[in-house]
Amino acid sequence: MKRSFYHYLLTERHHHPKNEIQHLANLVFEDIAFPKHSEDYDELSSYLEMVDYVENMRIFDKAWESYLEKS
């Protein structure tokens, strides 16, 4: 069973983030409205474009690529 993008990001969380993906993971973890069960790029991308904590969608694209590789 494929895990959701959110559950993938949980594995990237770090108390002292050392890269952009870890920082994104920490922010998503704190976002109670994040679509936690989604595996859909368009849904997640649209959501992240609406919130103001993602400075650059390039970070999401990089995280998405990593998610696909590790799923």
N, C-alpha and C. Protein backbone atom coordinates (compact mmCIF):
# COMPACT_ATOMS: atom_id res chain seq x y z
N MET A 1 0.84 -1.19 0.00
CA MET A 1 0.00 0.00 0.00
C MET A 1 0.88 1.25 0.00
N LYS A 2 0.60 2.14 -0.90
CA LYS A 2 1.36 3.38 -1.02
C LYS A 2 0.97 4.33 0.11
N ARG A 3 1.97 4.93 0.73
CA ARG A 3 1.67 5.88 1.80
C ARG A 3 1.41 7.26 1.20
N SER A 4 0.71 8.07 1.94
CA SER A 4 0.40 9.41 1.48
C SER A 4 1.66 10.29 1.50
N PHE A 5 1.58 11.39 0.80
CA PHE A 5 2.68 12.35 0.78
C PHE A 5 2.95 12.86 2.20
N TYR A 6 1.90 13.11 2.94
CA TYR A 6 2.03 13.57 4.33
C TYR A 6 2.83 12.56 5.15
N HIS A 7 2.48 11.29 5.04
CA HIS A 7 3.19 10.27 5.82
C HIS A 7 4.65 10.13 5.38
N TYR A 8 4.90 10.33 4.09
CA TYR A 8 6.29 10.39 3.64
C TYR A 8 7.01 11.56 4.31
N LEU A 9 6.37 12.74 4.30
CA LEU A 9 7.02 13.92 4.88
C LEU A 9 7.32 13.74 6.37
N LEU A 10 6.48 13.01 7.06
CA LEU A 10 6.74 12.77 8.48
C LEU A 10 8.10 12.11 8.68
N THR A 11 8.52 11.31 7.73
CA THR A 11 9.83 10.64 7.86
C THR A 11 10.97 11.61 7.64
N GLU A 12 10.67 12.78 7.08
CA GLU A 12 11.70 13.79 6.78
C GLU A 12 11.80 14.85 7.88
N ARG A 13 10.92 14.82 8.86
CA ARG A 13 10.95 15.83 9.91
C ARG A 13 12.25 15.76 10.69
N HIS A 14 12.69 16.92 11.15
CA HIS A 14 13.91 17.00 11.93
C HIS A 14 13.79 18.19 12.87
N HIS A 15 14.19 18.00 14.11
CA HIS A 15 14.09 19.07 15.11
C HIS A 15 14.84 20.33 14.69
N HIS A 16 15.99 20.13 14.08
CA HIS A 16 16.79 21.24 13.55
C HIS A 16 16.96 20.98 12.06
N PRO A 17 16.00 21.44 11.23
CA PRO A 17 16.05 21.12 9.80
C PRO A 17 17.35 21.55 9.14
N LYS A 18 17.88 20.63 8.34
CA LYS A 18 19.15 20.87 7.66
C LYS A 18 18.96 21.14 6.17
N ASN A 19 17.74 20.98 5.68
CA ASN A 19 17.47 21.24 4.28
C ASN A 19 16.01 21.69 4.11
N GLU A 20 15.67 22.08 2.89
CA GLU A 20 14.34 22.62 2.61
C GLU A 20 13.23 21.61 2.82
N ILE A 21 13.49 20.37 2.48
CA ILE A 21 12.45 19.34 2.63
C ILE A 21 12.16 19.11 4.10
N GLN A 22 13.17 19.06 4.92
CA GLN A 22 12.95 18.90 6.36
C GLN A 22 12.17 20.08 6.93
N HIS A 23 12.49 21.27 6.46
CA HIS A 23 11.76 22.46 6.91
C HIS A 23 10.29 22.38 6.47
N LEU A 24 10.05 22.00 5.22
CA LEU A 24 8.68 21.82 4.73
C LEU A 24 7.95 20.77 5.56
N ALA A 25 8.62 19.67 5.85
CA ALA A 25 8.01 18.61 6.65
C ALA A 25 7.57 19.12 8.01
N ASN A 26 8.38 19.93 8.64
CA ASN A 26 8.01 20.48 9.94
C ASN A 26 6.80 21.40 9.83
N LEU A 27 6.75 22.21 8.79
CA LEU A 27 5.62 23.12 8.60
C LEU A 27 4.33 22.35 8.31
N VAL A 28 4.41 21.35 7.46
CA VAL A 28 3.24 20.53 7.12
C VAL A 28 2.74 19.80 8.37
N PHE A 29 3.63 19.31 9.19
CA PHE A 29 3.25 18.60 10.41
C PHE A 29 2.40 19.50 11.32
N GLU A 30 2.71 20.78 11.34
CA GLU A 30 2.00 21.73 12.20
C GLU A 30 0.70 22.24 11.58
N ASP A 31 0.46 21.94 10.32
CA ASP A 31 -0.71 22.43 9.58
C ASP A 31 -1.86 21.43 9.73
N ILE A 32 -2.83 21.76 10.58
CA ILE A 32 -3.93 20.82 10.83
C ILE A 32 -4.86 20.65 9.63
N ALA A 33 -4.82 21.57 8.68
CA ALA A 33 -5.69 21.49 7.51
C ALA A 33 -5.04 20.79 6.32
N PHE A 34 -3.77 20.42 6.43
CA PHE A 34 -3.08 19.78 5.31
C PHE A 34 -3.80 18.49 4.92
N PRO A 35 -3.98 18.25 3.60
CA PRO A 35 -4.66 17.02 3.15
C PRO A 35 -3.80 15.77 3.41
N LYS A 36 -3.93 15.24 4.58
CA LYS A 36 -3.04 14.18 5.08
C LYS A 36 -3.11 12.85 4.32
N HIS A 37 -4.22 12.59 3.67
CA HIS A 37 -4.37 11.29 3.00
C HIS A 37 -4.17 11.36 1.49
N SER A 38 -3.80 12.52 1.01
CA SER A 38 -3.69 12.70 -0.44
C SER A 38 -2.39 12.12 -1.00
N GLU A 39 -2.53 11.56 -2.19
CA GLU A 39 -1.41 11.09 -2.99
C GLU A 39 -1.42 11.79 -4.34
N ASP A 40 -2.21 12.86 -4.45
CA ASP A 40 -2.44 13.54 -5.71
C ASP A 40 -1.61 14.83 -5.81
N TYR A 41 -0.73 14.87 -6.78
CA TYR A 41 0.16 16.03 -6.97
C TYR A 41 -0.62 17.33 -7.11
N ASP A 42 -1.64 17.33 -7.96
CA ASP A 42 -2.39 18.56 -8.23
C ASP A 42 -3.12 19.07 -6.98
N GLU A 43 -3.72 18.17 -6.24
CA GLU A 43 -4.41 18.57 -5.01
C GLU A 43 -3.42 19.18 -4.01
N LEU A 44 -2.30 18.52 -3.82
CA LEU A 44 -1.31 19.00 -2.86
C LEU A 44 -0.66 20.31 -3.32
N SER A 45 -0.36 20.39 -4.60
CA SER A 45 0.24 21.59 -5.14
C SER A 45 -0.71 22.79 -5.00
N SER A 46 -1.96 22.59 -5.32
CA SER A 46 -2.96 23.66 -5.18
C SER A 46 -3.08 24.10 -3.73
N TYR A 47 -3.10 23.14 -2.83
CA TYR A 47 -3.20 23.49 -1.41
C TYR A 47 -2.00 24.32 -0.97
N LEU A 48 -0.80 23.86 -1.32
CA LEU A 48 0.40 24.56 -0.89
C LEU A 48 0.53 25.94 -1.54
N GLU A 49 -0.03 26.11 -2.72
CA GLU A 49 -0.02 27.43 -3.33
C GLU A 49 -0.93 28.40 -2.58
N MET A 50 -1.95 27.89 -1.90
CA MET A 50 -2.88 28.73 -1.15
C MET A 50 -2.34 29.14 0.21
N VAL A 51 -1.56 28.30 0.84
CA VAL A 51 -1.02 28.64 2.15
C VAL A 51 0.22 29.51 1.96
N ASP A 52 0.55 30.27 2.97
CA ASP A 52 1.65 31.21 2.77
C ASP A 52 2.96 30.78 3.43
N TYR A 53 3.09 29.53 3.83
CA TYR A 53 4.35 29.11 4.45
C TYR A 53 5.32 28.45 3.48
N VAL A 54 4.90 28.22 2.26
CA VAL A 54 5.81 27.67 1.25
C VAL A 54 6.33 28.83 0.41
N GLU A 55 7.60 29.12 0.57
CA GLU A 55 8.22 30.27 -0.11
C GLU A 55 8.38 30.03 -1.60
N ASN A 56 8.64 28.79 -1.98
CA ASN A 56 8.94 28.48 -3.36
C ASN A 56 8.43 27.07 -3.66
N MET A 57 7.60 26.95 -4.67
CA MET A 57 7.03 25.64 -5.00
C MET A 57 8.08 24.66 -5.49
N ARG A 58 9.25 25.15 -5.81
CA ARG A 58 10.36 24.26 -6.18
C ARG A 58 10.66 23.28 -5.04
N ILE A 59 10.48 23.75 -3.82
CA ILE A 59 10.71 22.89 -2.65
C ILE A 59 9.72 21.73 -2.66
N PHE A 60 8.45 22.02 -2.94
CA PHE A 60 7.44 20.97 -3.02
C PHE A 60 7.79 19.99 -4.14
N ASP A 61 8.16 20.52 -5.31
CA ASP A 61 8.50 19.64 -6.43
C ASP A 61 9.65 18.71 -6.08
N LYS A 62 10.63 19.24 -5.39
CA LYS A 62 11.77 18.43 -4.96
C LYS A 62 11.32 17.34 -3.97
N ALA A 63 10.46 17.72 -3.03
CA ALA A 63 9.92 16.76 -2.07
C ALA A 63 9.06 15.71 -2.77
N TRP A 64 8.29 16.13 -3.76
CA TRP A 64 7.44 15.19 -4.50
C TRP A 64 8.28 14.17 -5.25
N GLU A 65 9.35 14.61 -5.88
CA GLU A 65 10.25 13.69 -6.58
C GLU A 65 10.83 12.65 -5.61
N SER A 66 11.23 13.11 -4.44
CA SER A 66 11.76 12.20 -3.42
C SER A 66 10.70 11.22 -2.96
N TYR A 67 9.48 11.72 -2.79
CA TYR A 67 8.35 10.87 -2.40
C TYR A 67 8.12 9.76 -3.42
N LEU A 68 8.13 10.11 -4.70
CA LEU A 68 7.92 9.11 -5.76
C LEU A 68 9.04 8.08 -5.77
N GLU A 69 10.27 8.52 -5.57
CA GLU A 69 11.40 7.60 -5.56
C GLU A 69 11.34 6.62 -4.40
N LYS A 70 10.85 7.09 -3.25
CA LYS A 70 10.85 6.26 -2.04
C LYS A 70 9.57 5.49 -1.82
N SER A 71 8.57 5.72 -2.68
CA SER A 71 7.27 5.02 -2.53
C SER A 71 7.27 3.70 -3.25
